[in-house]
Amino acid sequence: MVDKKEISDLKKRKKEEETLLEMGKFYFLNGKYKEAIAELEKVVKLNPKNSEAYYNLGLVYETKG
């Protein structure tokens, strides 16, 4: 059985993941590729199954060259 603390921790982790993903996209759109990569790699570390993070990392690396 899952308790309230575990649910709260999962929600916080998901929120952190979403925030990092948005920061990565923001940095990418503003040409700050190094920062974008750092944020997106944090997302992958939190959730290795986050396909959107991998997609955005690919965009950054492709654009950066």
PDB file of N, CA and C in Angstrom:
ATOM      1  N   MET A   1       0.838  -1.186   0.000  1.00  0.00           N
ATOM      2  CA  MET A   1       0.000   0.000   0.000  1.00  0.00           C
ATOM      3  C   MET A   1       0.886   1.253   0.000  1.00  0.00           C
ATOM      4  N   VAL A   2       0.475   2.224  -0.750  1.00  0.00           N
ATOM      5  CA  VAL A   2       1.221   3.477  -0.875  1.00  0.00           C
ATOM      6  C   VAL A   2       0.692   4.474   0.150  1.00  0.00           C
ATOM      7  N   ASP A   3       1.604   5.105   0.888  1.00  0.00           N
ATOM      8  CA  ASP A   3       1.152   6.086   1.872  1.00  0.00           C
ATOM      9  C   ASP A   3       1.192   7.507   1.290  1.00  0.00           C
ATOM     10  N   LYS A   4       0.686   8.438   2.061  1.00  0.00           N
ATOM     11  CA  LYS A   4       0.583   9.830   1.597  1.00  0.00           C
ATOM     12  C   LYS A   4       1.945  10.447   1.296  1.00  0.00           C
ATOM     13  N   LYS A   5       2.959  10.102   2.078  1.00  0.00           N
ATOM     14  CA  LYS A   5       4.298  10.656   1.848  1.00  0.00           C
ATOM     15  C   LYS A   5       4.847  10.188   0.505  1.00  0.00           C
ATOM     16  N   GLU A   6       4.649   8.924   0.184  1.00  0.00           N
ATOM     17  CA  GLU A   6       5.126   8.403  -1.101  1.00  0.00           C
ATOM     18  C   GLU A   6       4.431   9.095  -2.267  1.00  0.00           C
ATOM     19  N   ILE A   7       3.150   9.317  -2.133  1.00  0.00           N
ATOM     20  CA  ILE A   7       2.397  10.020  -3.173  1.00  0.00           C
ATOM     21  C   ILE A   7       2.906  11.447  -3.315  1.00  0.00           C
ATOM     22  N   SER A   8       3.126  12.106  -2.188  1.00  0.00           N
ATOM     23  CA  SER A   8       3.647  13.472  -2.201  1.00  0.00           C
ATOM     24  C   SER A   8       5.023  13.530  -2.858  1.00  0.00           C
ATOM     25  N   ASP A   9       5.881  12.570  -2.524  1.00  0.00           N
ATOM     26  CA  ASP A   9       7.224  12.516  -3.120  1.00  0.00           C
ATOM     27  C   ASP A   9       7.157  12.309  -4.628  1.00  0.00           C
ATOM     28  N   LEU A  10       6.257  11.445  -5.079  1.00  0.00           N
ATOM     29  CA  LEU A  10       6.094  11.204  -6.517  1.00  0.00           C
ATOM     30  C   LEU A  10       5.629  12.461  -7.242  1.00  0.00           C
ATOM     31  N   LYS A  11       4.704  13.186  -6.625  1.00  0.00           N
ATOM     32  CA  LYS A  11       4.207  14.426  -7.232  1.00  0.00           C
ATOM     33  C   LYS A  11       5.319  15.466  -7.331  1.00  0.00           C
ATOM     34  N   LYS A  12       6.125  15.583  -6.279  1.00  0.00           N
ATOM     35  CA  LYS A  12       7.239  16.537  -6.289  1.00  0.00           C
ATOM     36  C   LYS A  12       8.253  16.176  -7.366  1.00  0.00           C
ATOM     37  N   ARG A  13       8.534  14.892  -7.479  1.00  0.00           N
ATOM     38  CA  ARG A  13       9.503  14.430  -8.478  1.00  0.00           C
ATOM     39  C   ARG A  13       8.998  14.709  -9.891  1.00  0.00           C
ATOM     40  N   LYS A  14       7.717  14.468 -10.133  1.00  0.00           N
ATOM     41  CA  LYS A  14       7.130  14.728 -11.447  1.00  0.00           C
ATOM     42  C   LYS A  14       7.172  16.219 -11.752  1.00  0.00           C
ATOM     43  N   LYS A  15       6.862  17.048 -10.771  1.00  0.00           N
ATOM     44  CA  LYS A  15       6.901  18.497 -10.948  1.00  0.00           C
ATOM     45  C   LYS A  15       8.322  18.957 -11.257  1.00  0.00           C
ATOM     46  N   GLU A  16       9.306  18.401 -10.549  1.00  0.00           N
ATOM     47  CA  GLU A  16      10.707  18.752 -10.796  1.00  0.00           C
ATOM     48  C   GLU A  16      11.104  18.352 -12.217  1.00  0.00           C
ATOM     49  N   GLU A  17      10.683  17.170 -12.626  1.00  0.00           N
ATOM     50  CA  GLU A  17      10.983  16.685 -13.974  1.00  0.00           C
ATOM     51  C   GLU A  17      10.402  17.627 -15.030  1.00  0.00           C
ATOM     52  N   GLU A  18       9.158  18.035 -14.849  1.00  0.00           N
ATOM     53  CA  GLU A  18       8.506  18.944 -15.798  1.00  0.00           C
ATOM     54  C   GLU A  18       9.195  20.303 -15.832  1.00  0.00           C
ATOM     55  N   THR A  19       9.580  20.805 -14.672  1.00  0.00           N
ATOM     56  CA  THR A  19      10.259  22.101 -14.594  1.00  0.00           C
ATOM     57  C   THR A  19      11.606  22.054 -15.307  1.00  0.00           C
ATOM     58  N   LEU A  20      12.379  21.002 -15.059  1.00  0.00           N
ATOM     59  CA  LEU A  20      13.682  20.862 -15.714  1.00  0.00           C
ATOM     60  C   LEU A  20      13.533  20.747 -17.229  1.00  0.00           C
ATOM     61  N   LEU A  21      12.520  20.019 -17.667  1.00  0.00           N
ATOM     62  CA  LEU A  21      12.272  19.872 -19.101  1.00  0.00           C
ATOM     63  C   LEU A  21      11.956  21.225 -19.728  1.00  0.00           C
ATOM     64  N   GLU A  22      11.107  21.992 -19.086  1.00  0.00           N
ATOM     65  CA  GLU A  22      10.757  23.318 -19.609  1.00  0.00           C
ATOM     66  C   GLU A  22      11.967  24.251 -19.611  1.00  0.00           C
ATOM     67  N   MET A  23      12.793  24.162 -18.577  1.00  0.00           N
ATOM     68  CA  MET A  23      14.014  24.979 -18.539  1.00  0.00           C
ATOM     69  C   MET A  23      14.947  24.596 -19.686  1.00  0.00           C
ATOM     70  N   GLY A  24      15.079  23.304 -19.938  1.00  0.00           N
ATOM     71  CA  GLY A  24      15.913  22.850 -21.045  1.00  0.00           C
ATOM     72  C   GLY A  24      15.423  23.381 -22.375  1.00  0.00           C
ATOM     73  N   LYS A  25      14.118  23.344 -22.584  1.00  0.00           N
ATOM     74  CA  LYS A  25      13.548  23.866 -23.837  1.00  0.00           C
ATOM     75  C   LYS A  25      13.738  25.375 -23.929  1.00  0.00           C
ATOM     76  N   PHE A  26      13.576  26.063 -22.814  1.00  0.00           N
ATOM     77  CA  PHE A  26      13.771  27.514 -22.786  1.00  0.00           C
ATOM     78  C   PHE A  26      15.201  27.878 -23.177  1.00  0.00           C
ATOM     79  N   TYR A  27      16.168  27.203 -22.552  1.00  0.00           N
ATOM     80  CA  TYR A  27      17.572  27.470 -22.881  1.00  0.00           C
ATOM     81  C   TYR A  27      17.855  27.179 -24.351  1.00  0.00           C
ATOM     82  N   PHE A  28      17.328  26.077 -24.858  1.00  0.00           N
ATOM     83  CA  PHE A  28      17.535  25.725 -26.262  1.00  0.00           C
ATOM     84  C   PHE A  28      17.007  26.821 -27.182  1.00  0.00           C
ATOM     85  N   LEU A  29      15.796  27.261 -26.931  1.00  0.00           N
ATOM     86  CA  LEU A  29      15.180  28.286 -27.783  1.00  0.00           C
ATOM     87  C   LEU A  29      15.913  29.621 -27.710  1.00  0.00           C
ATOM     88  N   ASN A  30      16.665  29.819 -26.647  1.00  0.00           N
ATOM     89  CA  ASN A  30      17.427  31.055 -26.487  1.00  0.00           C
ATOM     90  C   ASN A  30      18.908  30.883 -26.820  1.00  0.00           C
ATOM     91  N   GLY A  31      19.239  29.781 -27.477  1.00  0.00           N
ATOM     92  CA  GLY A  31      20.602  29.555 -27.944  1.00  0.00           C
ATOM     93  C   GLY A  31      21.614  29.210 -26.873  1.00  0.00           C
ATOM     94  N   LYS A  32      21.149  28.856 -25.696  1.00  0.00           N
ATOM     95  CA  LYS A  32      22.053  28.497 -24.593  1.00  0.00           C
ATOM     96  C   LYS A  32      22.131  26.968 -24.527  1.00  0.00           C
ATOM     97  N   TYR A  33      22.891  26.415 -25.471  1.00  0.00           N
ATOM     98  CA  TYR A  33      22.904  24.972 -25.664  1.00  0.00           C
ATOM     99  C   TYR A  33      23.530  24.205 -24.504  1.00  0.00           C
ATOM    100  N   LYS A  34      24.594  24.726 -23.947  1.00  0.00           N
ATOM    101  CA  LYS A  34      25.251  24.057 -22.820  1.00  0.00           C
ATOM    102  C   LYS A  34      24.283  23.923 -21.640  1.00  0.00           C
ATOM    103  N   GLU A  35      23.572  24.994 -21.346  1.00  0.00           N
ATOM    104  CA  GLU A  35      22.607  24.986 -20.250  1.00  0.00           C
ATOM    105  C   GLU A  35      21.436  24.058 -20.562  1.00  0.00           C
ATOM    106  N   ALA A  36      20.998  24.072 -21.820  1.00  0.00           N
ATOM    107  CA  ALA A  36      19.893  23.198 -22.235  1.00  0.00           C
ATOM    108  C   ALA A  36      20.268  21.738 -22.028  1.00  0.00           C
ATOM    109  N   ILE A  37      21.460  21.377 -22.454  1.00  0.00           N
ATOM    110  CA  ILE A  37      21.922  19.996 -22.298  1.00  0.00           C
ATOM    111  C   ILE A  37      21.964  19.606 -20.824  1.00  0.00           C
ATOM    112  N   ALA A  38      22.474  20.486 -19.986  1.00  0.00           N
ATOM    113  CA  ALA A  38      22.568  20.198 -18.550  1.00  0.00           C
ATOM    114  C   ALA A  38      21.191  19.928 -17.947  1.00  0.00           C
ATOM    115  N   GLU A  39      20.212  20.760 -18.282  1.00  0.00           N
ATOM    116  CA  GLU A  39      18.867  20.588 -17.726  1.00  0.00           C
ATOM    117  C   GLU A  39      18.213  19.315 -18.253  1.00  0.00           C
ATOM    118  N   LEU A  40      18.354  19.068 -19.546  1.00  0.00           N
ATOM    119  CA  LEU A  40      17.724  17.892 -20.143  1.00  0.00           C
ATOM    120  C   LEU A  40      18.364  16.599 -19.644  1.00  0.00           C
ATOM    121  N   GLU A  41      19.652  16.626 -19.384  1.00  0.00           N
ATOM    122  CA  GLU A  41      20.307  15.440 -18.819  1.00  0.00           C
ATOM    123  C   GLU A  41      19.826  15.165 -17.397  1.00  0.00           C
ATOM    124  N   LYS A  42      19.472  16.205 -16.668  1.00  0.00           N
ATOM    125  CA  LYS A  42      18.894  16.019 -15.330  1.00  0.00           C
ATOM    126  C   LYS A  42      17.550  15.305 -15.433  1.00  0.00           C
ATOM    127  N   VAL A  43      16.771  15.665 -16.454  1.00  0.00           N
ATOM    128  CA  VAL A  43      15.475  15.010 -16.664  1.00  0.00           C
ATOM    129  C   VAL A  43      15.690  13.520 -16.921  1.00  0.00           C
ATOM    130  N   VAL A  44      16.625  13.205 -17.804  1.00  0.00           N
ATOM    131  CA  VAL A  44      16.906  11.809 -18.142  1.00  0.00           C
ATOM    132  C   VAL A  44      17.370  11.036 -16.906  1.00  0.00           C
ATOM    133  N   LYS A  45      18.132  11.695 -16.059  1.00  0.00           N
ATOM    134  CA  LYS A  45      18.593  11.040 -14.833  1.00  0.00           C
ATOM    135  C   LYS A  45      17.412  10.751 -13.899  1.00  0.00           C
ATOM    136  N   LEU A  46      16.476  11.693 -13.807  1.00  0.00           N
ATOM    137  CA  LEU A  46      15.290  11.487 -12.974  1.00  0.00           C
ATOM    138  C   LEU A  46      14.367  10.424 -13.551  1.00  0.00           C
ATOM    139  N   ASN A  47      14.232  10.448 -14.892  1.00  0.00           N
ATOM    140  CA  ASN A  47      13.316   9.524 -15.557  1.00  0.00           C
ATOM    141  C   ASN A  47      13.898   9.090 -16.897  1.00  0.00           C
ATOM    142  N   PRO A  48      14.625   7.982 -16.899  1.00  0.00           N
ATOM    143  CA  PRO A  48      15.251   7.504 -18.135  1.00  0.00           C
ATOM    144  C   PRO A  48      14.259   7.153 -19.248  1.00  0.00           C
ATOM    145  N   LYS A  49      12.977   7.095 -18.935  1.00  0.00           N
ATOM    146  CA  LYS A  49      11.959   6.770 -19.940  1.00  0.00           C
ATOM    147  C   LYS A  49      11.293   8.013 -20.525  1.00  0.00           C
ATOM    148  N   ASN A  50      11.792   9.195 -20.184  1.00  0.00           N
ATOM    149  CA  ASN A  50      11.189  10.434 -20.676  1.00  0.00           C
ATOM    150  C   ASN A  50      11.638  10.684 -22.119  1.00  0.00           C
ATOM    151  N   SER A  51      10.805  10.269 -23.059  1.00  0.00           N
ATOM    152  CA  SER A  51      11.160  10.387 -24.479  1.00  0.00           C
ATOM    153  C   SER A  51      11.252  11.838 -24.933  1.00  0.00           C
ATOM    154  N   GLU A  52      10.484  12.714 -24.317  1.00  0.00           N
ATOM    155  CA  GLU A  52      10.531  14.130 -24.697  1.00  0.00           C
ATOM    156  C   GLU A  52      11.898  14.739 -24.377  1.00  0.00           C
ATOM    157  N   ALA A  53      12.493  14.314 -23.281  1.00  0.00           N
ATOM    158  CA  ALA A  53      13.826  14.808 -22.917  1.00  0.00           C
ATOM    159  C   ALA A  53      14.855  14.350 -23.946  1.00  0.00           C
ATOM    160  N   TYR A  54      14.781  13.083 -24.347  1.00  0.00           N
ATOM    161  CA  TYR A  54      15.708  12.573 -25.365  1.00  0.00           C
ATOM    162  C   TYR A  54      15.512  13.291 -26.694  1.00  0.00           C
ATOM    163  N   TYR A  55      14.261  13.520 -27.057  1.00  0.00           N
ATOM    164  CA  TYR A  55      13.962  14.227 -28.306  1.00  0.00           C
ATOM    165  C   TYR A  55      14.593  15.622 -28.289  1.00  0.00           C
ATOM    166  N   ASN A  56      14.395  16.334 -27.194  1.00  0.00           N
ATOM    167  CA  ASN A  56      14.938  17.688 -27.089  1.00  0.00           C
ATOM    168  C   ASN A  56      16.460  17.691 -27.022  1.00  0.00           C
ATOM    169  N   LEU A  57      17.046  16.697 -26.371  1.00  0.00           N
ATOM    170  CA  LEU A  57      18.508  16.579 -26.387  1.00  0.00           C
ATOM    171  C   LEU A  57      19.002  16.399 -27.823  1.00  0.00           C
ATOM    172  N   GLY A  58      18.287  15.587 -28.586  1.00  0.00           N
ATOM    173  CA  GLY A  58      18.649  15.391 -29.988  1.00  0.00           C
ATOM    174  C   GLY A  58      18.595  16.684 -30.776  1.00  0.00           C
ATOM    175  N   LEU A  59      17.563  17.477 -30.533  1.00  0.00           N
ATOM    176  CA  LEU A  59      17.442  18.771 -31.214  1.00  0.00           C
ATOM    177  C   LEU A  59      18.608  19.693 -30.864  1.00  0.00           C
ATOM    178  N   VAL A  60      18.956  19.711 -29.595  1.00  0.00           N
ATOM    179  CA  VAL A  60      20.058  20.572 -29.156  1.00  0.00           C
ATOM    180  C   VAL A  60      21.360  20.139 -29.827  1.00  0.00           C
ATOM    181  N   TYR A  61      21.654  18.847 -29.762  1.00  0.00           N
ATOM    182  CA  TYR A  61      22.906  18.352 -30.358  1.00  0.00           C
ATOM    183  C   TYR A  61      22.933  18.573 -31.865  1.00  0.00           C
ATOM    184  N   GLU A  62      21.790  18.381 -32.528  1.00  0.00           N
ATOM    185  CA  GLU A  62      21.731  18.597 -33.974  1.00  0.00           C
ATOM    186  C   GLU A  62      21.972  20.067 -34.313  1.00  0.00           C
ATOM    187  N   THR A  63      21.366  20.957 -33.566  1.00  0.00           N
ATOM    188  CA  THR A  63      21.511  22.390 -33.810  1.00  0.00           C
ATOM    189  C   THR A  63      22.920  22.864 -33.473  1.00  0.00           C
ATOM    190  N   LYS A  64      23.431  22.358 -32.359  1.00  0.00           N
ATOM    191  CA  LYS A  64      24.763  22.755 -31.893  1.00  0.00           C
ATOM    192  C   LYS A  64      25.852  22.262 -32.848  1.00  0.00           C
ATOM    193  N   GLY A  65      25.617  21.087 -33.406  1.00  0.00           N
ATOM    194  CA  GLY A  65      26.578  20.516 -34.367  1.00  0.00           C
ATOM    195  C   GLY A  65      27.682  19.749 -33.776  1.00  0.00           C
TER     196      GLY A  65
END
